[in-house]
PDB file of N, CA and C in Angstrom:
ATOM      1  N   MET A   1     107.976  62.833  97.605  1.00  0.00           N
ATOM      2  CA  MET A   1     107.563  62.909  96.222  1.00  0.00           C
ATOM      3  C   MET A   1     108.645  63.460  95.320  1.00  0.00           C
ATOM      4  N   ASN A   2     109.728  63.920  95.961  1.00  0.00           N
ATOM      5  CA  ASN A   2     110.885  64.432  95.217  1.00  0.00           C
ATOM      6  C   ASN A   2     110.502  65.583  94.258  1.00  0.00           C
ATOM      7  N   TRP A   3     109.599  66.434  94.704  1.00  0.00           N
ATOM      8  CA  TRP A   3     109.240  67.635  93.943  1.00  0.00           C
ATOM      9  C   TRP A   3     110.094  68.805  94.481  1.00  0.00           C
ATOM     10  N   HIS A   4     110.421  69.723  93.564  1.00  0.00           N
ATOM     11  CA  HIS A   4     111.185  70.900  93.947  1.00  0.00           C
ATOM     12  C   HIS A   4     110.493  72.116  93.511  1.00  0.00           C
ATOM     13  N   LEU A   5     110.322  73.058  94.419  1.00  0.00           N
ATOM     14  CA  LEU A   5     109.679  74.342  94.161  1.00  0.00           C
ATOM     15  C   LEU A   5     110.723  75.414  94.047  1.00  0.00           C
ATOM     16  N   ARG A   6     110.599  76.252  93.025  1.00  0.00           N
ATOM     17  CA  ARG A   6     111.584  77.311  92.859  1.00  0.00           C
ATOM     18  C   ARG A   6     110.923  78.646  92.666  1.00  0.00           C
ATOM     19  N   GLY A   7     111.666  79.692  92.952  1.00  0.00           N
ATOM     20  CA  GLY A   7     111.175  81.054  92.745  1.00  0.00           C
ATOM     21  C   GLY A   7     112.181  82.028  93.313  1.00  0.00           C
ATOM     22  N   HIS A   8     111.758  83.271  93.327  1.00  0.00           N
ATOM     23  CA  HIS A   8     112.596  84.317  93.948  1.00  0.00           C
ATOM     24  C   HIS A   8     111.746  85.293  94.664  1.00  0.00           C
ATOM     25  N   TYR A   9     112.321  85.951  95.623  1.00  0.00           N
ATOM     26  CA  TYR A   9     111.583  86.957  96.403  1.00  0.00           C
ATOM     27  C   TYR A   9     111.350  88.215  95.589  1.00  0.00           C
ATOM     28  N   THR A  10     110.142  88.737  95.623  1.00  0.00           N
ATOM     29  CA  THR A  10     109.796  89.941  94.888  1.00  0.00           C
ATOM     30  C   THR A  10     109.576  91.121  95.797  1.00  0.00           C
ATOM     31  N   SER A  11     109.270  90.890  97.082  1.00  0.00           N
ATOM     32  CA  SER A  11     109.122  91.954  98.044  1.00  0.00           C
ATOM     33  C   SER A  11     109.328  91.405  99.463  1.00  0.00           C
ATOM     34  N   PHE A  12     109.869  92.245 100.331  1.00  0.00           N
ATOM     35  CA  PHE A  12     110.089  91.871 101.717  1.00  0.00           C
ATOM     36  C   PHE A  12     110.045  93.129 102.588  1.00  0.00           C
ATOM     37  N   ASP A  13     109.034  93.217 103.409  1.00  0.00           N
ATOM     38  CA  ASP A  13     108.893  94.305 104.388  1.00  0.00           C
ATOM     39  C   ASP A  13     108.628  93.594 105.720  1.00  0.00           C
ATOM     40  N   PRO A  14     109.642  93.374 106.532  1.00  0.00           N
ATOM     41  CA  PRO A  14     109.526  92.585 107.751  1.00  0.00           C
ATOM     42  C   PRO A  14     108.283  92.907 108.578  1.00  0.00           C
ATOM     43  N   GLY A  15     107.526  91.835 108.895  1.00  0.00           N
ATOM     44  CA  GLY A  15     106.364  92.011 109.710  1.00  0.00           C
ATOM     45  C   GLY A  15     105.151  92.546 108.991  1.00  0.00           C
ATOM     46  N   LYS A  16     105.291  92.866 107.680  1.00  0.00           N
ATOM     47  CA  LYS A  16     104.195  93.458 106.916  1.00  0.00           C
ATOM     48  C   LYS A  16     103.881  92.728 105.636  1.00  0.00           C
ATOM     49  N   ARG A  17     104.909  92.361 104.874  1.00  0.00           N
ATOM     50  CA  ARG A  17     104.643  91.836 103.526  1.00  0.00           C
ATOM     51  C   ARG A  17     105.801  90.927 103.068  1.00  0.00           C
ATOM     52  N   LEU A  18     105.391  89.844 102.345  1.00  0.00           N
ATOM     53  CA  LEU A  18     106.329  88.947 101.741  1.00  0.00           C
ATOM     54  C   LEU A  18     105.808  88.575 100.370  1.00  0.00           C
ATOM     55  N   GLY A  19     106.601  88.713  99.344  1.00  0.00           N
ATOM     56  CA  GLY A  19     106.177  88.346  98.008  1.00  0.00           C
ATOM     57  C   GLY A  19     107.223  87.452  97.352  1.00  0.00           C
ATOM     58  N   PHE A  20     106.771  86.500  96.563  1.00  0.00           N
ATOM     59  CA  PHE A  20     107.708  85.597  95.908  1.00  0.00           C
ATOM     60  C   PHE A  20     107.020  84.951  94.736  1.00  0.00           C
ATOM     61  N   THR A  21     107.855  84.460  93.781  1.00  0.00           N
ATOM     62  CA  THR A  21     107.342  83.703  92.676  1.00  0.00           C
ATOM     63  C   THR A  21     107.370  82.214  93.029  1.00  0.00           C
ATOM     64  N   TRP A  22     106.619  81.404  92.260  1.00  0.00           N
ATOM     65  CA  TRP A  22     106.377  80.024  92.633  1.00  0.00           C
ATOM     66  C   TRP A  22     106.273  79.192  91.348  1.00  0.00           C
ATOM     67  N   LYS A  23     107.091  78.142  91.236  1.00  0.00           N
ATOM     68  CA  LYS A  23     106.990  77.216  90.083  1.00  0.00           C
ATOM     69  C   LYS A  23     107.601  75.877  90.488  1.00  0.00           C
ATOM     70  N   TRP A  24     106.839  74.820  90.245  1.00  0.00           N
ATOM     71  CA  TRP A  24     107.346  73.464  90.474  1.00  0.00           C
ATOM     72  C   TRP A  24     108.248  73.062  89.307  1.00  0.00           C
ATOM     73  N   ASP A  25     109.329  72.374  89.590  1.00  0.00           N
ATOM     74  CA  ASP A  25     110.257  71.904  88.529  1.00  0.00           C
ATOM     75  C   ASP A  25     109.553  70.992  87.535  1.00  0.00           C
ATOM     76  N   HIS A  26     108.590  70.167  88.054  1.00  0.00           N
ATOM     77  CA  HIS A  26     107.915  69.216  87.167  1.00  0.00           C
ATOM     78  C   HIS A  26     106.805  69.831  86.320  1.00  0.00           C
ATOM     79  N   ASP A  27     106.479  71.096  86.514  1.00  0.00           N
ATOM     80  CA  ASP A  27     105.447  71.755  85.672  1.00  0.00           C
ATOM     81  C   ASP A  27     106.011  72.010  84.288  1.00  0.00           C
ATOM     82  N   SER A  28     105.166  72.061  83.305  1.00  0.00           N
ATOM     83  CA  SER A  28     105.609  72.314  81.940  1.00  0.00           C
ATOM     84  C   SER A  28     106.132  73.781  81.846  1.00  0.00           C
ATOM     85  N   GLN A  29     106.945  74.012  80.815  1.00  0.00           N
ATOM     86  CA  GLN A  29     107.491  75.359  80.594  1.00  0.00           C
ATOM     87  C   GLN A  29     106.389  76.366  80.321  1.00  0.00           C
ATOM     88  N   GLU A  30     105.278  75.899  79.682  1.00  0.00           N
ATOM     89  CA  GLU A  30     104.169  76.789  79.355  1.00  0.00           C
ATOM     90  C   GLU A  30     103.407  77.274  80.600  1.00  0.00           C
ATOM     91  N   ALA A  31     103.570  76.528  81.723  1.00  0.00           N
ATOM     92  CA  ALA A  31     102.804  76.830  82.941  1.00  0.00           C
ATOM     93  C   ALA A  31     103.194  78.210  83.504  1.00  0.00           C
ATOM     94  N   GLY A  32     104.408  78.598  83.352  1.00  0.00           N
ATOM     95  CA  GLY A  32     104.875  79.914  83.830  1.00  0.00           C
ATOM     96  C   GLY A  32     104.897  79.974  85.367  1.00  0.00           C
ATOM     97  N   GLU A  33     105.446  81.083  85.864  1.00  0.00           N
ATOM     98  CA  GLU A  33     105.530  81.254  87.317  1.00  0.00           C
ATOM     99  C   GLU A  33     104.202  81.845  87.840  1.00  0.00           C
ATOM    100  N   ARG A  34     103.917  81.463  89.074  1.00  0.00           N
ATOM    101  CA  ARG A  34     102.823  82.117  89.818  1.00  0.00           C
ATOM    102  C   ARG A  34     103.470  83.116  90.751  1.00  0.00           C
ATOM    103  N   GLU A  35     102.655  84.055  91.197  1.00  0.00           N
ATOM    104  CA  GLU A  35     103.128  85.041  92.175  1.00  0.00           C
ATOM    105  C   GLU A  35     102.327  84.860  93.481  1.00  0.00           C
ATOM    106  N   VAL A  36     103.035  84.886  94.581  1.00  0.00           N
ATOM    107  CA  VAL A  36     102.374  84.782  95.913  1.00  0.00           C
ATOM    108  C   VAL A  36     102.723  86.045  96.663  1.00  0.00           C
ATOM    109  N   THR A  37     101.699  86.642  97.280  1.00  0.00           N
ATOM    110  CA  THR A  37     101.892  87.799  98.146  1.00  0.00           C
ATOM    111  C   THR A  37     101.198  87.515  99.483  1.00  0.00           C
ATOM    112  N   ILE A  38     101.943  87.717 100.568  1.00  0.00           N
ATOM    113  CA  ILE A  38     101.390  87.522 101.896  1.00  0.00           C
ATOM    114  C   ILE A  38     101.481  88.852 102.621  1.00  0.00           C
ATOM    115  N   ILE A  39     100.331  89.301 103.134  1.00  0.00           N
ATOM    116  CA  ILE A  39     100.270  90.529 103.914  1.00  0.00           C
ATOM    117  C   ILE A  39      99.982  90.172 105.336  1.00  0.00           C
ATOM    118  N   PHE A  40     100.734  90.758 106.265  1.00  0.00           N
ATOM    119  CA  PHE A  40     100.544  90.490 107.722  1.00  0.00           C
ATOM    120  C   PHE A  40      99.909  91.723 108.292  1.00  0.00           C
ATOM    121  N   GLU A  41      98.757  91.563 108.950  1.00  0.00           N
ATOM    122  CA  GLU A  41      98.021  92.701 109.539  1.00  0.00           C
ATOM    123  C   GLU A  41      97.828  92.447 111.047  1.00  0.00           C
ATOM    124  N   PRO A  42      98.224  93.397 111.881  1.00  0.00           N
ATOM    125  CA  PRO A  42      98.013  93.204 113.302  1.00  0.00           C
ATOM    126  C   PRO A  42      96.507  93.166 113.667  1.00  0.00           C
ATOM    127  N   VAL A  43      96.153  92.293 114.589  1.00  0.00           N
ATOM    128  CA  VAL A  43      94.783  92.166 115.079  1.00  0.00           C
ATOM    129  C   VAL A  43      94.858  92.250 116.603  1.00  0.00           C
ATOM    130  N   ALA A  44      94.111  93.168 117.175  1.00  0.00           N
ATOM    131  CA  ALA A  44      94.161  93.361 118.623  1.00  0.00           C
ATOM    132  C   ALA A  44      93.611  92.153 119.360  1.00  0.00           C
ATOM    133  N   PRO A  45      94.085  91.775 120.510  1.00  0.00           N
ATOM    134  CA  PRO A  45      95.143  92.458 121.222  1.00  0.00           C
ATOM    135  C   PRO A  45      96.529  91.956 120.838  1.00  0.00           C
ATOM    136  N   ASP A  46      96.704  90.680 120.463  1.00  0.00           N
ATOM    137  CA  ASP A  46      98.053  90.202 120.182  1.00  0.00           C
ATOM    138  C   ASP A  46      98.084  89.204 119.032  1.00  0.00           C
ATOM    139  N   GLY A  47      97.204  89.413 118.056  1.00  0.00           N
ATOM    140  CA  GLY A  47      97.149  88.457 116.935  1.00  0.00           C
ATOM    141  C   GLY A  47      97.631  89.088 115.623  1.00  0.00           C
ATOM    142  N   THR A  48      97.653  88.258 114.591  1.00  0.00           N
ATOM    143  CA  THR A  48      98.036  88.678 113.257  1.00  0.00           C
ATOM    144  C   THR A  48      97.114  88.014 112.235  1.00  0.00           C
ATOM    145  N   ARG A  49      96.596  88.801 111.311  1.00  0.00           N
ATOM    146  CA  ARG A  49      95.808  88.246 110.200  1.00  0.00           C
ATOM    147  C   ARG A  49      96.781  88.114 109.044  1.00  0.00           C
ATOM    148  N   LEU A  50      96.717  86.974 108.378  1.00  0.00           N
ATOM    149  CA  LEU A  50      97.538  86.704 107.227  1.00  0.00           C
ATOM    150  C   LEU A  50      96.634  86.709 105.990  1.00  0.00           C
ATOM    151  N   ARG A  51      96.917  87.570 105.058  1.00  0.00           N
ATOM    152  CA  ARG A  51      96.134  87.651 103.827  1.00  0.00           C
ATOM    153  C   ARG A  51      97.054  87.206 102.679  1.00  0.00           C
ATOM    154  N   LEU A  52      96.614  86.186 101.944  1.00  0.00           N
ATOM    155  CA  LEU A  52      97.473  85.572 100.937  1.00  0.00           C
ATOM    156  C   LEU A  52      96.794  85.608  99.592  1.00  0.00           C
ATOM    157  N   THR A  53      97.549  85.996  98.558  1.00  0.00           N
ATOM    158  CA  THR A  53      97.058  85.925  97.190  1.00  0.00           C
ATOM    159  C   THR A  53      98.050  85.070  96.400  1.00  0.00           C
ATOM    160  N   HIS A  54      97.527  84.292  95.442  1.00  0.00           N
ATOM    161  CA  HIS A  54      98.372  83.371  94.674  1.00  0.00           C
ATOM    162  C   HIS A  54      97.774  83.343  93.253  1.00  0.00           C
ATOM    163  N   GLY A  55      98.575  83.705  92.258  1.00  0.00           N
ATOM    164  CA  GLY A  55      98.063  83.749  90.900  1.00  0.00           C
ATOM    165  C   GLY A  55      99.198  84.148  89.963  1.00  0.00           C
ATOM    166  N   PRO A  56      98.898  84.576  88.773  1.00  0.00           N
ATOM    167  CA  PRO A  56      97.595  84.698  88.180  1.00  0.00           C
ATOM    168  C   PRO A  56      97.136  83.332  87.586  1.00  0.00           C
ATOM    169  N   TYR A  57      95.855  83.252  87.432  1.00  0.00           N
ATOM    170  CA  TYR A  57      95.244  82.079  86.798  1.00  0.00           C
ATOM    171  C   TYR A  57      94.436  82.532  85.617  1.00  0.00           C
ATOM    172  N   ILE A  58      94.338  81.669  84.606  1.00  0.00           N
ATOM    173  CA  ILE A  58      93.487  82.001  83.453  1.00  0.00           C
ATOM    174  C   ILE A  58      92.213  81.171  83.562  1.00  0.00           C
ATOM    175  N   ASP A  59      91.249  81.513  82.755  1.00  0.00           N
ATOM    176  CA  ASP A  59      89.909  80.897  82.846  1.00  0.00           C
ATOM    177  C   ASP A  59      89.798  79.678  81.956  1.00  0.00           C
ATOM    178  N   THR A  60      90.660  78.683  82.234  1.00  0.00           N
ATOM    179  CA  THR A  60      90.534  77.402  81.522  1.00  0.00           C
ATOM    180  C   THR A  60      90.183  76.363  82.598  1.00  0.00           C
ATOM    181  N   PRO A  61      89.532  75.268  82.194  1.00  0.00           N
ATOM    182  CA  PRO A  61      89.207  74.231  83.205  1.00  0.00           C
ATOM    183  C   PRO A  61      90.480  73.707  83.884  1.00  0.00           C
ATOM    184  N   GLU A  62      91.577  73.551  83.142  1.00  0.00           N
ATOM    185  CA  GLU A  62      92.822  73.015  83.746  1.00  0.00           C
ATOM    186  C   GLU A  62      93.374  73.997  84.785  1.00  0.00           C
ATOM    187  N   ASP A  63      93.417  75.261  84.464  1.00  0.00           N
ATOM    188  CA  ASP A  63      93.980  76.230  85.408  1.00  0.00           C
ATOM    189  C   ASP A  63      93.096  76.418  86.609  1.00  0.00           C
ATOM    190  N   GLN A  64      91.796  76.382  86.420  1.00  0.00           N
ATOM    191  CA  GLN A  64      90.862  76.503  87.561  1.00  0.00           C
ATOM    192  C   GLN A  64      90.957  75.292  88.444  1.00  0.00           C
ATOM    193  N   GLU A  65      91.124  74.101  87.894  1.00  0.00           N
ATOM    194  CA  GLU A  65      91.298  72.910  88.678  1.00  0.00           C
ATOM    195  C   GLU A  65      92.597  72.979  89.515  1.00  0.00           C
ATOM    196  N   LEU A  66      93.646  73.454  88.877  1.00  0.00           N
ATOM    197  CA  LEU A  66      94.932  73.652  89.569  1.00  0.00           C
ATOM    198  C   LEU A  66      94.753  74.629  90.716  1.00  0.00           C
ATOM    199  N   ARG A  67      94.045  75.699  90.449  1.00  0.00           N
ATOM    200  CA  ARG A  67      93.815  76.757  91.487  1.00  0.00           C
ATOM    201  C   ARG A  67      93.027  76.200  92.674  1.00  0.00           C
ATOM    202  N   ILE A  68      91.924  75.520  92.389  1.00  0.00           N
ATOM    203  CA  ILE A  68      91.009  75.113  93.486  1.00  0.00           C
ATOM    204  C   ILE A  68      91.446  73.799  94.104  1.00  0.00           C
ATOM    205  N   GLU A  69      91.702  72.795  93.287  1.00  0.00           N
ATOM    206  CA  GLU A  69      91.980  71.461  93.808  1.00  0.00           C
ATOM    207  C   GLU A  69      93.391  71.273  94.358  1.00  0.00           C
ATOM    208  N   HIS A  70      94.318  72.082  93.885  1.00  0.00           N
ATOM    209  CA  HIS A  70      95.701  71.893  94.301  1.00  0.00           C
ATOM    210  C   HIS A  70      96.210  73.078  95.172  1.00  0.00           C
ATOM    211  N   HIS A  71      96.244  74.247  94.604  1.00  0.00           N
ATOM    212  CA  HIS A  71      96.839  75.394  95.331  1.00  0.00           C
ATOM    213  C   HIS A  71      95.973  75.801  96.520  1.00  0.00           C
ATOM    214  N   LEU A  72      94.680  76.027  96.301  1.00  0.00           N
ATOM    215  CA  LEU A  72      93.837  76.453  97.418  1.00  0.00           C
ATOM    216  C   LEU A  72      93.759  75.375  98.477  1.00  0.00           C
ATOM    217  N   ALA A  73      93.624  74.137  98.067  1.00  0.00           N
ATOM    218  CA  ALA A  73      93.579  73.017  99.039  1.00  0.00           C
ATOM    219  C   ALA A  73      94.884  72.953  99.812  1.00  0.00           C
ATOM    220  N   GLY A  74      96.011  73.126  99.119  1.00  0.00           N
ATOM    221  CA  GLY A  74      97.316  73.081  99.793  1.00  0.00           C
ATOM    222  C   GLY A  74      97.515  74.188 100.785  1.00  0.00           C
ATOM    223  N   TRP A  75      97.127  75.427 100.404  1.00  0.00           N
ATOM    224  CA  TRP A  75      97.254  76.556 101.318  1.00  0.00           C
ATOM    225  C   TRP A  75      96.363  76.347 102.548  1.00  0.00           C
ATOM    226  N   LYS A  76      95.160  75.899 102.356  1.00  0.00           N
ATOM    227  CA  LYS A  76      94.245  75.693 103.488  1.00  0.00           C
ATOM    228  C   LYS A  76      94.827  74.648 104.428  1.00  0.00           C
ATOM    229  N   HIS A  77      95.384  73.570 103.903  1.00  0.00           N
ATOM    230  CA  HIS A  77      95.943  72.491 104.710  1.00  0.00           C
ATOM    231  C   HIS A  77      97.132  73.013 105.512  1.00  0.00           C
ATOM    232  N   PHE A  78      98.112  73.638 104.862  1.00  0.00           N
ATOM    233  CA  PHE A  78      99.301  74.061 105.541  1.00  0.00           C
ATOM    234  C   PHE A  78      99.105  75.285 106.419  1.00  0.00           C
ATOM    235  N   LEU A  79      98.256  76.196 106.041  1.00  0.00           N
ATOM    236  CA  LEU A  79      98.001  77.358 106.918  1.00  0.00           C
ATOM    237  C   LEU A  79      97.269  76.947 108.164  1.00  0.00           C
ATOM    238  N   SER A  80      96.381  75.963 108.094  1.00  0.00           N
ATOM    239  CA  SER A  80      95.722  75.531 109.312  1.00  0.00           C
ATOM    240  C   SER A  80      96.717  74.808 110.238  1.00  0.00           C
ATOM    241  N   ARG A  81      97.660  74.093 109.652  1.00  0.00           N
ATOM    242  CA  ARG A  81      98.723  73.491 110.473  1.00  0.00           C
ATOM    243  C   ARG A  81      99.595  74.544 111.128  1.00  0.00           C
ATOM    244  N   LEU A  82      99.892  75.633 110.391  1.00  0.00           N
ATOM    245  CA  LEU A  82     100.686  76.704 110.974  1.00  0.00           C
ATOM    246  C   LEU A  82      99.919  77.350 112.142  1.00  0.00           C
ATOM    247  N   GLN A  83      98.627  77.556 111.921  1.00  0.00           N
ATOM    248  CA  GLN A  83      97.796  78.158 112.972  1.00  0.00           C
ATOM    249  C   GLN A  83      97.780  77.249 114.247  1.00  0.00           C
ATOM    250  N   GLN A  84      97.687  75.943 114.045  1.00  0.00           N
ATOM    251  CA  GLN A  84      97.733  75.027 115.171  1.00  0.00           C
ATOM    252  C   GLN A  84      99.041  75.094 115.919  1.00  0.00           C
ATOM    253  N   LEU A  85     100.156  75.124 115.170  1.00  0.00           N
ATOM    254  CA  LEU A  85     101.486  75.203 115.784  1.00  0.00           C
ATOM    255  C   LEU A  85     101.657  76.491 116.578  1.00  0.00           C
ATOM    256  N   LEU A  86     101.225  77.600 115.994  1.00  0.00           N
ATOM    257  CA  LEU A  86     101.337  78.898 116.689  1.00  0.00           C
ATOM    258  C   LEU A  86     100.449  78.944 117.885  1.00  0.00           C
ATOM    259  N   GLY A  87      99.262  78.395 117.817  1.00  0.00           N
ATOM    260  CA  GLY A  87      98.383  78.328 119.001  1.00  0.00           C
ATOM    261  C   GLY A  87      98.974  77.485 120.092  1.00  0.00           C
ATOM    262  N   ALA A  88      99.648  76.412 119.750  1.00  0.00           N
ATOM    263  CA  ALA A  88     100.248  75.536 120.738  1.00  0.00           C
ATOM    264  C   ALA A  88     101.452  76.150 121.420  1.00  0.00           C
ATOM    265  N   SER A  89     102.085  77.129 120.763  1.00  0.00           N
ATOM    266  CA  SER A  89     103.267  77.744 121.318  1.00  0.00           C
ATOM    267  C   SER A  89     102.988  78.861 122.327  1.00  0.00           C
ATOM    268  N   ARG A  90     101.740  79.189 122.506  1.00  0.00           N
ATOM    269  CA  ARG A  90     101.351  80.274 123.415  1.00  0.00           C
ATOM    270  C   ARG A  90     101.292  79.817 124.840  1.00  0.00           C
TER     271      ARG A  90
END
């Protein structure tokens, strides 16, 4: 699709936290950057829970559609693929 995603890291605590900004090149200038934070939490006996936040979003129909139909759907798709890959590597 020739899309390019850009941003910069805002936090990095190995094995615990990763934060970064997120903006597609093809988005309008008014769209602004989103912030993503991923928290890694150990789960006994040998697992990890990943807690992800992505925002901010405003309460407009367009922004809520972007949040639910695009970002949330994308994270669900790719995180389930990551989970499958990690499960296969055990």
